[in-house]
Structures are given as C-alpha cells and as structure tokens.
Amino acid sequence: MDQSLLTRNRSPLPAHADGLHAHVGEDGVAVLEFARPHRRNAVTLAIWQALPKVLQLLAEHEGVRALLLTGAGGTFSAGADIAELAEVYGDPDRADAYHAVNVAAEEALAAFPHPTIAAVRGACVGGGCQLAVACDLRFVAEDARLGITPAKLGVVYPAVPTLRLARLVGPARAKYLLFSGELVTGRDALPLGLAERVLPDAELDAAALEFARVLTGRSTQTIGAVKAALAVPPERAAEALAPWERRSRESGDVREGLAAFLEGRPPRF
C-alpha cells in the first residue's frame, strides 16, 4: 500500500480546516483526503463545515473531472469526533446545529458535479461511512471495516443519510446495518451493496486512480445527466433529465463521440 500514490505530483489547494487536504492534478483527478491519522481521521466540526466550501472550490477548478475521497495513514475515517460529539450533545440546540452542518456536508458531496469515488481502507465508520455512501462509487479494501453506528450511541441518524443508505443497499439491508451498528468487512460490503469493487489493500489506490482517470475521458454531459436523474425520486427523473437532453441536441459532445467512434480514435470531450 502506497498512500502517497493518490497525492503524488498533485498541487495542494486550500482546504479550510486542519485535518482536511485537497489536491488537484493535470490528469483531471482531484483528491480530498482526511488527514488526522492520530485520531483515525475522525471528522471534526471544522471539517464538516469546510467540506461544502472545498467541494465547491474543486468543482469550479478548471480541469477537474473526477474526485477521489480517501484517508491518510491506512484509515478512511472512524467517523465523527466522539469527544466533540459528547460535548455537542450537552445542549439540544447545539446538537441540532451540528447535525445540520453534518447533513449539509453530505449533500454537498452527493451534489458534486463530477464522479466521486471513495477509496476505502481501514475503518470507515459512522460519519465516515455516511460520506462514503454519499460518493457515486466505493472502491474498498478486502480487510476494510464499514458500518454506521448510531444505535451504539443512542443517536438518531438523520433522515437524509438514512434514506440515501436505503436507496443504495435497499431498505432491509439498511435496517440490518442501522439496527445493529455492526461493522462488515470489505469482502462482505460487496454483496451488501456498500462497495462496487473490492480489492487487496495493496491494489486499492492504483485501481481507484486508474478508474477515476478513465472517467475523466468520458462525456461530462452524459455523466451529469445520469447524476441528475438518479438524484431525484423516480417520478421526477424525466423532469431532471429534460434540460440535459435538450443540451445534448445542441452541444458538440454527441458529434464528437460519433466522429471518434467512426474514426476509430478516443473522443476528446
């Protein structure tokens, strides 16, 4: 395992919080890294607050076409900082405000305009798993441990991540995970629907980076339309897709894609 593979030859960008690093590269892949390895990359309130801002910065950065979310030191994220959470829950109003910030960060990640891939190794628990679920795809190490643990803390999991989890894995499997708070291995995450690819730890970063680079060569128009359609209830998918369909009739992506196919070359979107 070479954690530096994902950030090598990339330029840092302001991340607005200690323990959160953002990088961009000439390959079109941005990397957002939780970097508090001494605390198993526990997510502080400052990180939750910073995530929407840094995601907007990355979305607006010229050339970014895909995003990898990862963690330093062999761990994705152990979740919310429990010491901080214990303090927050001393005041109901502060707890309400904390969860509002938490959900806003999750929704900002889910709304990122380009493909997002969580590269998961080690612990991916609680709020860490919440953010992995908000990504479009999850590449997971075989021996990673994933779970959502509010039932072990007495915390009521907010509606937004509850429903997002159920849409990903199905209602019964969401209940299995949320009722029990048990952790599952990367190998078990695949049949549960929590992972799209499961790999040996040593192969994880290279595989995630390779696939992210593949996606940078695909049509942002097609990808954006898919994300728009799947982000809304089924009955609203046609409405969400309509402006994308109209733009596709007028933009150059289809013409370029068809020409590239006929000429036997990669498209240049």
C-alpha atoms as a PDB file:
ATOM      1  CA  MET A   1       0.000   0.000   0.000  1.00  0.00           C
ATOM      2  CA  ASP A   2       1.350   3.396  -1.010  1.00  0.00           C
ATOM      3  CA  GLN A   3      -0.981   6.045   0.321  1.00  0.00           C
ATOM      4  CA  SER A   4       1.066   8.785  -1.337  1.00  0.00           C
ATOM      5  CA  LEU A   5       0.173   7.406  -4.781  1.00  0.00           C
ATOM      6  CA  LEU A   6      -3.090   9.363  -4.787  1.00  0.00           C
ATOM      7  CA  THR A   7      -1.488  12.707  -3.940  1.00  0.00           C
ATOM      8  CA  ARG A   8       1.857  12.336  -5.730  1.00  0.00           C
ATOM      9  CA  ASN A   9       2.527  15.026  -8.369  1.00  0.00           C
ATOM     10  CA  ARG A  10      -0.574  16.968  -7.342  1.00  0.00           C
ATOM     11  CA  SER A  11      -0.857  20.577  -6.257  1.00  0.00           C
ATOM     12  CA  PRO A  12      -2.447  21.406  -2.893  1.00  0.00           C
ATOM     13  CA  LEU A  13      -5.463  23.686  -2.637  1.00  0.00           C
ATOM     14  CA  PRO A  14      -6.816  25.439   0.477  1.00  0.00           C
ATOM     15  CA  ALA A  15      -8.999  23.007   2.422  1.00  0.00           C
ATOM     16  CA  HIS A  16     -10.215  25.468   5.090  1.00  0.00           C
ATOM     17  CA  ALA A  17      -9.739  23.060   8.033  1.00  0.00           C
ATOM     18  CA  ASP A  18      -6.973  21.243   9.863  1.00  0.00           C
ATOM     19  CA  GLY A  19      -7.077  17.560   9.025  1.00  0.00           C
ATOM     20  CA  LEU A  20      -8.508  18.002   5.526  1.00  0.00           C
ATOM     21  CA  HIS A  21      -6.244  18.129   2.462  1.00  0.00           C
ATOM     22  CA  ALA A  22      -7.240  18.888  -1.131  1.00  0.00           C
ATOM     23  CA  HIS A  23      -5.085  18.224  -4.204  1.00  0.00           C
ATOM     24  CA  VAL A  24      -5.514  18.627  -7.958  1.00  0.00           C
ATOM     25  CA  GLY A  25      -3.511  17.136 -10.816  1.00  0.00           C
ATOM     26  CA  GLU A  26      -3.006  17.502 -14.537  1.00  0.00           C
ATOM     27  CA  ASP A  27      -4.815  14.184 -15.079  1.00  0.00           C
ATOM     28  CA  GLY A  28      -8.158  15.787 -14.169  1.00  0.00           C
ATOM     29  CA  VAL A  29      -8.460  13.893 -10.870  1.00  0.00           C
ATOM     30  CA  ALA A  30      -8.863  15.804  -7.600  1.00  0.00           C
ATOM     31  CA  VAL A  31      -8.093  14.108  -4.277  1.00  0.00           C
ATOM     32  CA  LEU A  32      -9.750  15.042  -0.996  1.00  0.00           C
ATOM     33  CA  GLU A  33      -8.032  13.430   1.975  1.00  0.00           C
ATOM     34  CA  PHE A  34      -8.946  13.152   5.646  1.00  0.00           C
ATOM     35  CA  ALA A  35      -5.626  13.716   7.398  1.00  0.00           C
ATOM     36  CA  ARG A  36      -5.918  13.165  11.155  1.00  0.00           C
ATOM     37  CA  PRO A  37      -4.272   9.727  11.340  1.00  0.00           C
ATOM     38  CA  HIS A  38      -3.516  10.160  15.056  1.00  0.00           C
ATOM     39  CA  ARG A  39      -7.316  10.197  15.587  1.00  0.00           C
ATOM     40  CA  ARG A  40      -8.107   7.637  12.859  1.00  0.00           C
ATOM     41  CA  ASN A  41      -9.221  10.547  10.676  1.00  0.00           C
ATOM     42  CA  ALA A  42     -12.172  11.389  12.911  1.00  0.00           C
ATOM     43  CA  VAL A  43     -14.196  14.198  11.340  1.00  0.00           C
ATOM     44  CA  THR A  44     -14.313  17.373  13.424  1.00  0.00           C
ATOM     45  CA  LEU A  45     -16.999  20.026  13.254  1.00  0.00           C
ATOM     46  CA  ALA A  46     -14.480  22.263  11.469  1.00  0.00           C
ATOM     47  CA  ILE A  47     -14.041  19.591   8.772  1.00  0.00           C
ATOM     48  CA  TRP A  48     -17.806  19.129   8.383  1.00  0.00           C
ATOM     49  CA  GLN A  49     -18.107  22.908   7.991  1.00  0.00           C
ATOM     50  CA  ALA A  50     -15.247  23.101   5.490  1.00  0.00           C
ATOM     51  CA  LEU A  51     -16.387  20.296   3.202  1.00  0.00           C
ATOM     52  CA  PRO A  52     -19.011  22.276   1.211  1.00  0.00           C
ATOM     53  CA  LYS A  53     -16.515  25.100   0.628  1.00  0.00           C
ATOM     54  CA  VAL A  54     -13.665  22.906  -0.536  1.00  0.00           C
ATOM     55  CA  LEU A  55     -16.006  20.819  -2.700  1.00  0.00           C
ATOM     56  CA  GLN A  56     -17.208  23.995  -4.401  1.00  0.00           C
ATOM     57  CA  LEU A  57     -13.585  25.058  -4.913  1.00  0.00           C
ATOM     58  CA  LEU A  58     -12.771  21.725  -6.522  1.00  0.00           C
ATOM     59  CA  ALA A  59     -15.922  21.750  -8.651  1.00  0.00           C
ATOM     60  CA  GLU A  60     -15.002  25.168 -10.025  1.00  0.00           C
ATOM     61  CA  HIS A  61     -11.340  24.325 -10.575  1.00  0.00           C
ATOM     62  CA  GLU A  62     -10.541  24.211 -14.283  1.00  0.00           C
ATOM     63  CA  GLY A  63      -9.715  20.729 -15.467  1.00  0.00           C
ATOM     64  CA  VAL A  64     -11.175  18.724 -12.574  1.00  0.00           C
ATOM     65  CA  ARG A  65     -13.276  15.880 -13.974  1.00  0.00           C
ATOM     66  CA  ALA A  66     -13.334  13.341 -11.101  1.00  0.00           C
ATOM     67  CA  LEU A  67     -12.852  13.278  -7.328  1.00  0.00           C
ATOM     68  CA  LEU A  68     -11.264  10.659  -5.074  1.00  0.00           C
ATOM     69  CA  LEU A  69     -12.100  10.730  -1.358  1.00  0.00           C
ATOM     70  CA  THR A  70      -9.598   8.952   0.875  1.00  0.00           C
ATOM     71  CA  GLY A  71      -7.935   8.948   4.276  1.00  0.00           C
ATOM     72  CA  ALA A  72      -4.323   9.174   5.420  1.00  0.00           C
ATOM     73  CA  GLY A  73      -2.479   6.606   7.487  1.00  0.00           C
ATOM     74  CA  GLY A  74      -4.271   3.462   6.372  1.00  0.00           C
ATOM     75  CA  THR A  75      -7.717   4.543   7.596  1.00  0.00           C
ATOM     76  CA  PHE A  76     -10.595   6.135   5.689  1.00  0.00           C
ATOM     77  CA  SER A  77     -12.362   7.675   8.702  1.00  0.00           C
ATOM     78  CA  ALA A  78     -13.524   6.414  12.067  1.00  0.00           C
ATOM     79  CA  GLY A  79     -16.437   8.870  11.871  1.00  0.00           C
ATOM     80  CA  ALA A  80     -17.373  11.937  13.873  1.00  0.00           C
ATOM     81  CA  ASP A  81     -15.025  13.008  16.644  1.00  0.00           C
ATOM     82  CA  ILE A  82     -16.764  11.361  19.624  1.00  0.00           C
ATOM     83  CA  ALA A  83     -15.256  13.676  22.247  1.00  0.00           C
ATOM     84  CA  GLU A  84     -16.595  16.621  20.293  1.00  0.00           C
ATOM     85  CA  LEU A  85     -19.953  14.905  19.802  1.00  0.00           C
ATOM     86  CA  ALA A  86     -20.274  14.277  23.559  1.00  0.00           C
ATOM     87  CA  GLU A  87     -19.796  17.990  24.182  1.00  0.00           C
ATOM     88  CA  VAL A  88     -22.282  18.972  21.469  1.00  0.00           C
ATOM     89  CA  TYR A  89     -24.963  16.687  22.918  1.00  0.00           C
ATOM     90  CA  GLY A  90     -24.821  18.632  26.164  1.00  0.00           C
ATOM     91  CA  ASP A  91     -27.155  21.171  24.515  1.00  0.00           C
ATOM     92  CA  PRO A  92     -30.094  20.132  22.284  1.00  0.00           C
ATOM     93  CA  ASP A  93     -29.799  23.269  20.151  1.00  0.00           C
ATOM     94  CA  ARG A  94     -26.100  22.655  19.550  1.00  0.00           C
ATOM     95  CA  ALA A  95     -26.872  19.048  18.636  1.00  0.00           C
ATOM     96  CA  ASP A  96     -29.472  20.230  16.094  1.00  0.00           C
ATOM     97  CA  ALA A  97     -26.969  22.684  14.598  1.00  0.00           C
ATOM     98  CA  TYR A  98     -24.253  20.015  14.472  1.00  0.00           C
ATOM     99  CA  HIS A  99     -26.441  17.574  12.527  1.00  0.00           C
ATOM    100  CA  ALA A 100     -27.498  20.347  10.130  1.00  0.00           C
ATOM    101  CA  VAL A 101     -23.830  21.010   9.332  1.00  0.00           C
ATOM    102  CA  ASN A 102     -23.167  17.272   9.019  1.00  0.00           C
ATOM    103  CA  VAL A 103     -26.025  16.765   6.546  1.00  0.00           C
ATOM    104  CA  ALA A 104     -25.042  19.867   4.546  1.00  0.00           C
ATOM    105  CA  ALA A 105     -21.567  18.386   4.044  1.00  0.00           C
ATOM    106  CA  GLU A 106     -23.016  15.058   2.933  1.00  0.00           C
ATOM    107  CA  GLU A 107     -25.358  16.739   0.476  1.00  0.00           C
ATOM    108  CA  ALA A 108     -22.549  18.886  -0.945  1.00  0.00           C
ATOM    109  CA  LEU A 109     -20.557  15.722  -1.658  1.00  0.00           C
ATOM    110  CA  ALA A 110     -23.545  13.979  -3.235  1.00  0.00           C
ATOM    111  CA  ALA A 111     -24.163  17.046  -5.432  1.00  0.00           C
ATOM    112  CA  PHE A 112     -20.560  17.284  -6.692  1.00  0.00           C
ATOM    113  CA  PRO A 113     -20.928  17.689 -10.469  1.00  0.00           C
ATOM    114  CA  HIS A 114     -18.298  15.100 -11.433  1.00  0.00           C
ATOM    115  CA  PRO A 115     -17.903  11.417 -10.496  1.00  0.00           C
ATOM    116  CA  THR A 116     -16.849  10.791  -6.905  1.00  0.00           C
ATOM    117  CA  ILE A 117     -15.090   7.629  -5.719  1.00  0.00           C
ATOM    118  CA  ALA A 118     -14.407   6.725  -2.094  1.00  0.00           C
ATOM    119  CA  ALA A 119     -11.162   4.737  -1.786  1.00  0.00           C
ATOM    120  CA  VAL A 120     -11.795   2.906   1.492  1.00  0.00           C
ATOM    121  CA  ARG A 121      -9.277   1.078   3.637  1.00  0.00           C
ATOM    122  CA  GLY A 122      -9.168   0.522   7.374  1.00  0.00           C
ATOM    123  CA  ALA A 123     -12.072   1.929   9.351  1.00  0.00           C
ATOM    124  CA  CYS A 124     -14.981   3.522   7.504  1.00  0.00           C
ATOM    125  CA  VAL A 125     -17.427   4.044  10.333  1.00  0.00           C
ATOM    126  CA  GLY A 126     -20.288   6.356  11.302  1.00  0.00           C
ATOM    127  CA  GLY A 127     -19.875   9.738   9.644  1.00  0.00           C
ATOM    128  CA  GLY A 128     -17.030   8.332   7.564  1.00  0.00           C
ATOM    129  CA  CYS A 129     -19.352   5.703   6.114  1.00  0.00           C
ATOM    130  CA  GLN A 130     -22.013   8.391   5.681  1.00  0.00           C
ATOM    131  CA  LEU A 131     -19.626  10.278   3.389  1.00  0.00           C
ATOM    132  CA  ALA A 132     -18.559   7.126   1.538  1.00  0.00           C
ATOM    133  CA  VAL A 133     -22.233   6.371   0.852  1.00  0.00           C
ATOM    134  CA  ALA A 134     -22.658   9.919  -0.489  1.00  0.00           C
ATOM    135  CA  CYS A 135     -19.995   9.214  -3.133  1.00  0.00           C
ATOM    136  CA  ASP A 136     -21.040   7.820  -6.503  1.00  0.00           C
ATOM    137  CA  LEU A 137     -18.836   4.734  -6.154  1.00  0.00           C
ATOM    138  CA  ARG A 138     -16.869   2.919  -3.463  1.00  0.00           C
ATOM    139  CA  PHE A 139     -13.618   1.003  -4.063  1.00  0.00           C
ATOM    140  CA  VAL A 140     -12.943  -0.934  -0.857  1.00  0.00           C
ATOM    141  CA  ALA A 141     -10.007  -2.903   0.517  1.00  0.00           C
ATOM    142  CA  GLU A 142     -10.820  -6.522   1.367  1.00  0.00           C
ATOM    143  CA  ASP A 143      -9.992  -6.068   5.033  1.00  0.00           C
ATOM    144  CA  ALA A 144     -11.643  -2.659   5.469  1.00  0.00           C
ATOM    145  CA  ARG A 145     -14.345  -2.373   8.129  1.00  0.00           C
ATOM    146  CA  LEU A 146     -17.516  -0.454   7.314  1.00  0.00           C
ATOM    147  CA  GLY A 147     -20.521   0.386   9.433  1.00  0.00           C
ATOM    148  CA  ILE A 148     -22.891   3.049  10.696  1.00  0.00           C
ATOM    149  CA  THR A 149     -23.079   3.003  14.467  1.00  0.00           C
ATOM    150  CA  PRO A 150     -25.692   5.451  15.886  1.00  0.00           C
ATOM    151  CA  ALA A 151     -27.554   2.557  17.543  1.00  0.00           C
ATOM    152  CA  LYS A 152     -24.475   2.011  19.735  1.00  0.00           C
ATOM    153  CA  LEU A 153     -24.565   5.673  20.820  1.00  0.00           C
ATOM    154  CA  GLY A 154     -28.300   6.349  21.126  1.00  0.00           C
ATOM    155  CA  VAL A 155     -28.067   8.906  18.301  1.00  0.00           C
ATOM    156  CA  VAL A 156     -30.989   9.273  15.878  1.00  0.00           C
ATOM    157  CA  TYR A 157     -29.479   9.063  12.395  1.00  0.00           C
ATOM    158  CA  PRO A 158     -30.767  11.975  10.265  1.00  0.00           C
ATOM    159  CA  ALA A 159     -33.335  11.387   7.526  1.00  0.00           C
ATOM    160  CA  VAL A 160     -31.078  12.368   4.619  1.00  0.00           C
ATOM    161  CA  PRO A 161     -28.336   9.771   5.206  1.00  0.00           C
ATOM    162  CA  THR A 162     -30.891   7.150   6.295  1.00  0.00           C
ATOM    163  CA  LEU A 163     -32.753   7.418   3.003  1.00  0.00           C
ATOM    164  CA  ARG A 164     -29.531   7.645   0.975  1.00  0.00           C
ATOM    165  CA  LEU A 165     -28.305   4.412   2.553  1.00  0.00           C
ATOM    166  CA  ALA A 166     -31.641   2.711   1.862  1.00  0.00           C
ATOM    167  CA  ARG A 167     -31.537   3.803  -1.792  1.00  0.00           C
ATOM    168  CA  LEU A 168     -28.042   2.352  -2.101  1.00  0.00           C
ATOM    169  CA  VAL A 169     -28.422  -1.015  -0.373  1.00  0.00           C
ATOM    170  CA  GLY A 170     -32.202  -1.440  -0.063  1.00  0.00           C
ATOM    171  CA  PRO A 171     -34.452  -0.909   2.997  1.00  0.00           C
ATOM    172  CA  ALA A 172     -33.859  -4.310   4.617  1.00  0.00           C
ATOM    173  CA  ARG A 173     -30.074  -4.100   4.387  1.00  0.00           C
ATOM    174  CA  ALA A 174     -30.173  -0.506   5.622  1.00  0.00           C
ATOM    175  CA  LYS A 175     -32.120  -1.738   8.662  1.00  0.00           C
ATOM    176  CA  TYR A 176     -29.586  -4.522   9.184  1.00  0.00           C
ATOM    177  CA  LEU A 177     -26.735  -2.002   9.247  1.00  0.00           C
ATOM    178  CA  LEU A 178     -28.515   0.719  11.249  1.00  0.00           C
ATOM    179  CA  PHE A 179     -30.295  -1.521  13.764  1.00  0.00           C
ATOM    180  CA  SER A 180     -27.138  -3.447  14.649  1.00  0.00           C
ATOM    181  CA  GLY A 181     -24.372  -0.892  14.192  1.00  0.00           C
ATOM    182  CA  GLU A 182     -22.163  -3.871  13.365  1.00  0.00           C
ATOM    183  CA  LEU A 183     -19.136  -3.478  11.130  1.00  0.00           C
ATOM    184  CA  VAL A 184     -18.756  -5.518   7.952  1.00  0.00           C
ATOM    185  CA  THR A 185     -15.561  -6.347   6.100  1.00  0.00           C
ATOM    186  CA  GLY A 186     -14.792  -5.103   2.627  1.00  0.00           C
ATOM    187  CA  ARG A 187     -15.473  -8.600   1.325  1.00  0.00           C
ATOM    188  CA  ASP A 188     -18.963  -8.535   2.848  1.00  0.00           C
ATOM    189  CA  ALA A 189     -19.589  -4.961   1.686  1.00  0.00           C
ATOM    190  CA  LEU A 190     -19.821  -6.083  -1.938  1.00  0.00           C
ATOM    191  CA  PRO A 191     -22.875  -8.381  -1.609  1.00  0.00           C
ATOM    192  CA  LEU A 192     -24.462  -5.867   0.784  1.00  0.00           C
ATOM    193  CA  GLY A 193     -24.217  -3.150  -1.862  1.00  0.00           C
ATOM    194  CA  LEU A 194     -21.762  -0.946   0.086  1.00  0.00           C
ATOM    195  CA  ALA A 195     -18.960  -1.491  -2.448  1.00  0.00           C
ATOM    196  CA  GLU A 196     -18.692  -1.579  -6.227  1.00  0.00           C
ATOM    197  CA  ARG A 197     -15.188  -3.071  -6.254  1.00  0.00           C
ATOM    198  CA  VAL A 198     -13.280  -4.944  -3.539  1.00  0.00           C
ATOM    199  CA  LEU A 199      -9.526  -5.308  -3.873  1.00  0.00           C
ATOM    200  CA  PRO A 200      -6.437  -6.328  -1.908  1.00  0.00           C
ATOM    201  CA  ASP A 201      -5.214  -3.368   0.102  1.00  0.00           C
ATOM    202  CA  ALA A 202      -2.027  -3.062  -1.950  1.00  0.00           C
ATOM    203  CA  GLU A 203      -4.039  -2.651  -5.167  1.00  0.00           C
ATOM    204  CA  LEU A 204      -6.697  -0.239  -3.918  1.00  0.00           C
ATOM    205  CA  ASP A 205      -5.161   3.154  -4.669  1.00  0.00           C
ATOM    206  CA  ALA A 206      -3.908   2.211  -8.125  1.00  0.00           C
ATOM    207  CA  ALA A 207      -7.278   0.745  -9.110  1.00  0.00           C
ATOM    208  CA  ALA A 208      -9.253   3.728  -7.821  1.00  0.00           C
ATOM    209  CA  LEU A 209      -6.929   6.194  -9.524  1.00  0.00           C
ATOM    210  CA  GLU A 210      -6.966   4.271 -12.803  1.00  0.00           C
ATOM    211  CA  PHE A 211     -10.763   4.194 -12.882  1.00  0.00           C
ATOM    212  CA  ALA A 212     -11.010   7.886 -11.959  1.00  0.00           C
ATOM    213  CA  ARG A 213      -8.738   8.656 -14.908  1.00  0.00           C
ATOM    214  CA  VAL A 214     -10.979   6.571 -17.169  1.00  0.00           C
ATOM    215  CA  LEU A 215     -13.948   8.680 -16.094  1.00  0.00           C
ATOM    216  CA  THR A 216     -12.121  11.939 -16.888  1.00  0.00           C
ATOM    217  CA  GLY A 217     -12.215  10.863 -20.537  1.00  0.00           C
ATOM    218  CA  ARG A 218     -15.948  10.313 -20.614  1.00  0.00           C
ATOM    219  CA  SER A 219     -18.583  12.894 -21.518  1.00  0.00           C
ATOM    220  CA  THR A 220     -19.325  15.267 -18.650  1.00  0.00           C
ATOM    221  CA  GLN A 221     -22.686  15.792 -20.327  1.00  0.00           C
ATOM    222  CA  THR A 222     -23.611  12.106 -20.087  1.00  0.00           C
ATOM    223  CA  ILE A 223     -22.278  11.764 -16.537  1.00  0.00           C
ATOM    224  CA  GLY A 224     -24.005  14.939 -15.376  1.00  0.00           C
ATOM    225  CA  ALA A 225     -27.311  13.736 -16.811  1.00  0.00           C
ATOM    226  CA  VAL A 226     -27.021  10.366 -15.041  1.00  0.00           C
ATOM    227  CA  LYS A 227     -26.271  12.067 -11.737  1.00  0.00           C
ATOM    228  CA  ALA A 228     -29.205  14.471 -12.182  1.00  0.00           C
ATOM    229  CA  ALA A 229     -31.672  11.679 -12.982  1.00  0.00           C
ATOM    230  CA  LEU A 230     -30.595   9.454 -10.090  1.00  0.00           C
ATOM    231  CA  ALA A 231     -30.523  12.274  -7.531  1.00  0.00           C
ATOM    232  CA  VAL A 232     -34.313  12.694  -7.525  1.00  0.00           C
ATOM    233  CA  PRO A 233     -37.293  10.386  -6.914  1.00  0.00           C
ATOM    234  CA  PRO A 234     -38.140   8.202  -9.942  1.00  0.00           C
ATOM    235  CA  GLU A 235     -41.243  10.215 -10.773  1.00  0.00           C
ATOM    236  CA  ARG A 236     -39.099  13.349 -11.200  1.00  0.00           C
ATOM    237  CA  ALA A 237     -36.282  11.767 -13.228  1.00  0.00           C
ATOM    238  CA  ALA A 238     -37.686  12.763 -16.626  1.00  0.00           C
ATOM    239  CA  GLU A 239     -38.050  16.368 -15.485  1.00  0.00           C
ATOM    240  CA  ALA A 240     -34.484  16.420 -14.144  1.00  0.00           C
ATOM    241  CA  LEU A 241     -33.160  14.894 -17.360  1.00  0.00           C
ATOM    242  CA  ALA A 242     -35.041  17.195 -19.765  1.00  0.00           C
ATOM    243  CA  PRO A 243     -32.559  20.119 -19.791  1.00  0.00           C
ATOM    244  CA  TRP A 244     -29.660  17.709 -20.248  1.00  0.00           C
ATOM    245  CA  GLU A 245     -31.397  16.066 -23.184  1.00  0.00           C
ATOM    246  CA  ARG A 246     -32.019  19.455 -24.787  1.00  0.00           C
ATOM    247  CA  ARG A 247     -28.381  20.493 -24.329  1.00  0.00           C
ATOM    248  CA  SER A 248     -27.225  17.191 -25.823  1.00  0.00           C
ATOM    249  CA  ARG A 249     -29.071  18.037 -29.058  1.00  0.00           C
ATOM    250  CA  GLU A 250     -27.204  21.330 -29.303  1.00  0.00           C
ATOM    251  CA  SER A 251     -23.737  20.670 -27.835  1.00  0.00           C
ATOM    252  CA  GLY A 252     -20.752  19.109 -29.544  1.00  0.00           C
ATOM    253  CA  ASP A 253     -20.365  16.052 -27.311  1.00  0.00           C
ATOM    254  CA  VAL A 254     -22.564  13.764 -29.400  1.00  0.00           C
ATOM    255  CA  ARG A 255     -20.976  14.877 -32.668  1.00  0.00           C
ATOM    256  CA  GLU A 256     -17.502  14.346 -31.215  1.00  0.00           C
ATOM    257  CA  GLY A 257     -18.414  10.955 -29.759  1.00  0.00           C
ATOM    258  CA  LEU A 258     -19.885   9.686 -33.016  1.00  0.00           C
ATOM    259  CA  ALA A 259     -16.997  11.042 -35.087  1.00  0.00           C
ATOM    260  CA  ALA A 260     -14.454   9.428 -32.746  1.00  0.00           C
ATOM    261  CA  PHE A 261     -16.226   6.078 -32.996  1.00  0.00           C
ATOM    262  CA  LEU A 262     -16.338   6.191 -36.794  1.00  0.00           C
ATOM    263  CA  GLU A 263     -12.681   7.262 -36.986  1.00  0.00           C
ATOM    264  CA  GLY A 264     -11.503   4.650 -34.502  1.00  0.00           C
ATOM    265  CA  ARG A 265      -9.991   7.098 -32.022  1.00  0.00           C
ATOM    266  CA  PRO A 266     -10.691   8.142 -28.401  1.00  0.00           C
ATOM    267  CA  PRO A 267     -13.197  11.002 -28.125  1.00  0.00           C
ATOM    268  CA  ARG A 268     -11.996  14.406 -26.975  1.00  0.00           C
ATOM    269  CA  PHE A 269     -14.859  15.727 -24.849  1.00  0.00           C
END
